[in-house]
Amino acid sequence: MRSQTASALCAAAVALLAGACGGAPKALPHVTAAEVVGHWTSDCGSTLTVEADRTFTVQDFPVDFAPGSGTVKRLPSGHGTWYLFAGVKGSTPQTFDLKIGEEFYDLDYVRKADSIALRTVLGDPDDNQWCEFSRRSRA
């Protein structure tokens, strides 16, 4: 019982700390799986194809940013499983999470007119370096 209580308190503390970070976009309510399935392209040259079976493939996915050199560290290609993280009301927003091997990458939802975009932070959130993905319809 104590370990469950300690785990719950730890999870709540992490959620509160994560919500305290500045610069994060506001969450959109109730984003569904249907809204993320499709082919996405980014403003930093990456592509992401999200399938209804909860799998995805990426090309040139950005994972970090080196401020001194201005270069973006990328995964040449990858595939894995995606998840919709519901967030924690009042502290952390809902995110779209990618699992590639043993690594997790979370993307925030951003409202763009009548659609959504997915945004991932590169490096330190205080540096305001983002890569934003927009969904294209499949031809």
C-alpha atoms as a PDB file:
ATOM      1  CA  MET A   1       0.000   0.000   0.000  1.00  0.00           C
ATOM      2  CA  ARG A   2       2.797   2.443   0.852  1.00  0.00           C
ATOM      3  CA  SER A   3       4.533   1.873  -2.482  1.00  0.00           C
ATOM      4  CA  GLN A   4       1.252   2.583  -4.341  1.00  0.00           C
ATOM      5  CA  THR A   5       0.789   5.814  -2.400  1.00  0.00           C
ATOM      6  CA  ALA A   6       4.408   6.818  -2.967  1.00  0.00           C
ATOM      7  CA  SER A   7       4.077   6.023  -6.676  1.00  0.00           C
ATOM      8  CA  ALA A   8       0.904   8.091  -6.946  1.00  0.00           C
ATOM      9  CA  LEU A   9       2.522  11.040  -5.159  1.00  0.00           C
ATOM     10  CA  CYS A  10       5.594  10.800  -7.377  1.00  0.00           C
ATOM     11  CA  ALA A  11       3.447  10.729 -10.535  1.00  0.00           C
ATOM     12  CA  ALA A  12       1.491  13.777  -9.331  1.00  0.00           C
ATOM     13  CA  ALA A  13       4.727  15.680  -8.607  1.00  0.00           C
ATOM     14  CA  VAL A  14       6.116  14.882 -12.055  1.00  0.00           C
ATOM     15  CA  ALA A  15       2.854  16.010 -13.669  1.00  0.00           C
ATOM     16  CA  LEU A  16       2.916  19.295 -11.751  1.00  0.00           C
ATOM     17  CA  LEU A  17       6.542  19.966 -12.643  1.00  0.00           C
ATOM     18  CA  ALA A  18       5.940  19.169 -16.301  1.00  0.00           C
ATOM     19  CA  GLY A  19       2.995  21.563 -16.353  1.00  0.00           C
ATOM     20  CA  ALA A  20       5.137  24.348 -14.903  1.00  0.00           C
ATOM     21  CA  CYS A  21       7.447  24.475 -17.950  1.00  0.00           C
ATOM     22  CA  GLY A  22       6.870  27.579 -20.053  1.00  0.00           C
ATOM     23  CA  GLY A  23       6.366  27.828 -23.785  1.00  0.00           C
ATOM     24  CA  ALA A  24       4.202  24.713 -24.177  1.00  0.00           C
ATOM     25  CA  PRO A  25       1.189  25.116 -26.461  1.00  0.00           C
ATOM     26  CA  LYS A  26      -2.307  24.817 -25.008  1.00  0.00           C
ATOM     27  CA  ALA A  27      -3.940  21.395 -25.227  1.00  0.00           C
ATOM     28  CA  LEU A  28      -6.906  20.721 -27.450  1.00  0.00           C
ATOM     29  CA  PRO A  29      -9.783  18.912 -25.809  1.00  0.00           C
ATOM     30  CA  HIS A  30     -10.584  15.340 -26.798  1.00  0.00           C
ATOM     31  CA  VAL A  31      -8.236  14.701 -29.714  1.00  0.00           C
ATOM     32  CA  THR A  32      -9.142  11.307 -31.161  1.00  0.00           C
ATOM     33  CA  ALA A  33      -7.252   8.592 -33.003  1.00  0.00           C
ATOM     34  CA  ALA A  34      -9.065   9.512 -36.230  1.00  0.00           C
ATOM     35  CA  GLU A  35      -7.613  13.026 -36.010  1.00  0.00           C
ATOM     36  CA  VAL A  36      -4.002  11.806 -35.976  1.00  0.00           C
ATOM     37  CA  VAL A  37      -4.170   9.025 -38.591  1.00  0.00           C
ATOM     38  CA  GLY A  38      -2.671  10.096 -41.912  1.00  0.00           C
ATOM     39  CA  HIS A  39       0.471  11.456 -43.523  1.00  0.00           C
ATOM     40  CA  TRP A  40       2.146  14.397 -41.791  1.00  0.00           C
ATOM     41  CA  THR A  41       4.949  16.642 -43.052  1.00  0.00           C
ATOM     42  CA  SER A  42       6.949  19.062 -40.943  1.00  0.00           C
ATOM     43  CA  ASP A  43       8.432  22.502 -41.294  1.00  0.00           C
ATOM     44  CA  CYS A  44      11.844  20.950 -40.550  1.00  0.00           C
ATOM     45  CA  GLY A  45      11.878  18.369 -43.378  1.00  0.00           C
ATOM     46  CA  SER A  46      10.496  15.306 -41.567  1.00  0.00           C
ATOM     47  CA  THR A  47       7.604  13.038 -42.470  1.00  0.00           C
ATOM     48  CA  LEU A  48       5.376  10.936 -40.230  1.00  0.00           C
ATOM     49  CA  THR A  49       2.833   8.372 -41.409  1.00  0.00           C
ATOM     50  CA  VAL A  50       0.354   7.361 -38.716  1.00  0.00           C
ATOM     51  CA  GLU A  51      -1.711   4.201 -39.267  1.00  0.00           C
ATOM     52  CA  ALA A  52      -5.064   3.280 -37.691  1.00  0.00           C
ATOM     53  CA  ASP A  53      -3.536   0.082 -36.253  1.00  0.00           C
ATOM     54  CA  ARG A  54      -1.444   2.238 -33.854  1.00  0.00           C
ATOM     55  CA  THR A  55       1.780   1.903 -35.852  1.00  0.00           C
ATOM     56  CA  PHE A  56       3.759   4.658 -37.567  1.00  0.00           C
ATOM     57  CA  THR A  57       6.836   5.291 -39.699  1.00  0.00           C
ATOM     58  CA  VAL A  58       9.042   8.386 -39.668  1.00  0.00           C
ATOM     59  CA  GLN A  59      11.745   9.815 -41.910  1.00  0.00           C
ATOM     60  CA  ASP A  60      14.292  12.319 -40.574  1.00  0.00           C
ATOM     61  CA  PHE A  61      12.448  12.678 -37.254  1.00  0.00           C
ATOM     62  CA  PRO A  62      13.993  15.496 -35.166  1.00  0.00           C
ATOM     63  CA  VAL A  63      15.056  14.437 -31.680  1.00  0.00           C
ATOM     64  CA  ASP A  64      17.329  17.245 -30.443  1.00  0.00           C
ATOM     65  CA  PHE A  65      18.783  20.658 -31.285  1.00  0.00           C
ATOM     66  CA  ALA A  66      22.329  21.911 -30.759  1.00  0.00           C
ATOM     67  CA  PRO A  67      22.019  25.672 -30.071  1.00  0.00           C
ATOM     68  CA  GLY A  68      25.699  26.459 -30.691  1.00  0.00           C
ATOM     69  CA  SER A  69      25.773  24.889 -34.143  1.00  0.00           C
ATOM     70  CA  GLY A  70      22.114  25.321 -35.040  1.00  0.00           C
ATOM     71  CA  THR A  71      21.918  21.706 -36.188  1.00  0.00           C
ATOM     72  CA  VAL A  72      19.069  19.299 -35.595  1.00  0.00           C
ATOM     73  CA  LYS A  73      19.845  15.722 -34.540  1.00  0.00           C
ATOM     74  CA  ARG A  74      17.574  13.356 -36.468  1.00  0.00           C
ATOM     75  CA  LEU A  75      16.610   9.712 -36.667  1.00  0.00           C
ATOM     76  CA  PRO A  76      17.103   8.783 -40.357  1.00  0.00           C
ATOM     77  CA  SER A  77      14.066   6.514 -40.233  1.00  0.00           C
ATOM     78  CA  GLY A  78      12.108   4.548 -37.734  1.00  0.00           C
ATOM     79  CA  HIS A  79       8.865   2.863 -36.941  1.00  0.00           C
ATOM     80  CA  GLY A  80       6.992   1.935 -33.844  1.00  0.00           C
ATOM     81  CA  THR A  81       3.776   2.301 -31.891  1.00  0.00           C
ATOM     82  CA  TRP A  82       1.849   5.477 -31.143  1.00  0.00           C
ATOM     83  CA  TYR A  83      -0.298   6.393 -28.137  1.00  0.00           C
ATOM     84  CA  LEU A  84      -2.700   9.144 -27.135  1.00  0.00           C
ATOM     85  CA  PHE A  85      -1.726  10.331 -23.643  1.00  0.00           C
ATOM     86  CA  ALA A  86      -4.825  11.796 -21.992  1.00  0.00           C
ATOM     87  CA  GLY A  87      -2.867  14.293 -19.900  1.00  0.00           C
ATOM     88  CA  VAL A  88      -3.544  15.275 -16.318  1.00  0.00           C
ATOM     89  CA  LYS A  89      -6.306  17.832 -15.885  1.00  0.00           C
ATOM     90  CA  GLY A  90      -4.957  21.167 -14.756  1.00  0.00           C
ATOM     91  CA  SER A  91      -1.271  20.313 -15.074  1.00  0.00           C
ATOM     92  CA  THR A  92      -0.192  18.465 -18.238  1.00  0.00           C
ATOM     93  CA  PRO A  93      -1.852  18.567 -21.646  1.00  0.00           C
ATOM     94  CA  GLN A  94      -2.857  15.643 -23.811  1.00  0.00           C
ATOM     95  CA  THR A  95      -0.004  14.511 -26.074  1.00  0.00           C
ATOM     96  CA  PHE A  96       0.577  12.258 -29.052  1.00  0.00           C
ATOM     97  CA  ASP A  97       3.371   9.863 -28.083  1.00  0.00           C
ATOM     98  CA  LEU A  98       5.651   7.852 -30.353  1.00  0.00           C
ATOM     99  CA  LYS A  99       7.588   4.815 -29.145  1.00  0.00           C
ATOM    100  CA  ILE A 100      10.615   3.994 -31.292  1.00  0.00           C
ATOM    101  CA  GLY A 101      12.536   1.061 -29.827  1.00  0.00           C
ATOM    102  CA  GLU A 102      12.919   1.896 -26.136  1.00  0.00           C
ATOM    103  CA  GLU A 103      12.570   5.679 -26.615  1.00  0.00           C
ATOM    104  CA  PHE A 104       9.408   7.766 -26.274  1.00  0.00           C
ATOM    105  CA  TYR A 105       8.850  11.112 -28.018  1.00  0.00           C
ATOM    106  CA  ASP A 106       5.843  13.274 -27.224  1.00  0.00           C
ATOM    107  CA  LEU A 107       4.238  15.803 -29.527  1.00  0.00           C
ATOM    108  CA  ASP A 108       1.810  18.517 -28.447  1.00  0.00           C
ATOM    109  CA  TYR A 109      -1.410  19.348 -30.278  1.00  0.00           C
ATOM    110  CA  VAL A 110      -1.714  22.865 -31.679  1.00  0.00           C
ATOM    111  CA  ARG A 111      -4.853  24.370 -33.206  1.00  0.00           C
ATOM    112  CA  LYS A 112      -4.370  25.587 -36.795  1.00  0.00           C
ATOM    113  CA  ALA A 113      -7.557  27.210 -38.147  1.00  0.00           C
ATOM    114  CA  ASP A 114      -9.970  24.259 -38.458  1.00  0.00           C
ATOM    115  CA  SER A 115      -7.343  21.550 -38.054  1.00  0.00           C
ATOM    116  CA  ILE A 116      -4.617  20.448 -35.671  1.00  0.00           C
ATOM    117  CA  ALA A 117      -0.857  20.344 -35.965  1.00  0.00           C
ATOM    118  CA  LEU A 118       1.608  18.251 -33.978  1.00  0.00           C
ATOM    119  CA  ARG A 119       4.599  20.015 -32.445  1.00  0.00           C
ATOM    120  CA  THR A 120       7.731  18.560 -30.877  1.00  0.00           C
ATOM    121  CA  VAL A 121      10.220  20.582 -28.876  1.00  0.00           C
ATOM    122  CA  LEU A 122      13.871  20.364 -29.895  1.00  0.00           C
ATOM    123  CA  GLY A 123      16.322  20.562 -26.999  1.00  0.00           C
ATOM    124  CA  ASP A 124      15.569  22.886 -24.095  1.00  0.00           C
ATOM    125  CA  PRO A 125      11.950  24.165 -24.164  1.00  0.00           C
ATOM    126  CA  ASP A 126      13.223  27.599 -23.096  1.00  0.00           C
ATOM    127  CA  ASP A 127      15.115  27.864 -26.419  1.00  0.00           C
ATOM    128  CA  ASN A 128      11.778  27.823 -28.303  1.00  0.00           C
ATOM    129  CA  GLN A 129      13.001  25.468 -31.025  1.00  0.00           C
ATOM    130  CA  TRP A 130      10.068  23.483 -32.417  1.00  0.00           C
ATOM    131  CA  CYS A 131       9.312  21.227 -35.332  1.00  0.00           C
ATOM    132  CA  GLU A 132       5.675  21.353 -36.397  1.00  0.00           C
ATOM    133  CA  PHE A 133       3.852  18.671 -38.398  1.00  0.00           C
ATOM    134  CA  SER A 134       0.775  19.307 -40.566  1.00  0.00           C
ATOM    135  CA  ARG A 135      -1.411  16.537 -41.913  1.00  0.00           C
ATOM    136  CA  ARG A 136      -1.886  16.053 -45.635  1.00  0.00           C
ATOM    137  CA  SER A 137      -4.749  14.114 -47.107  1.00  0.00           C
ATOM    138  CA  ARG A 138      -3.722  10.892 -48.805  1.00  0.00           C
ATOM    139  CA  ALA A 139      -3.933  10.999 -52.553  1.00  0.00           C
END
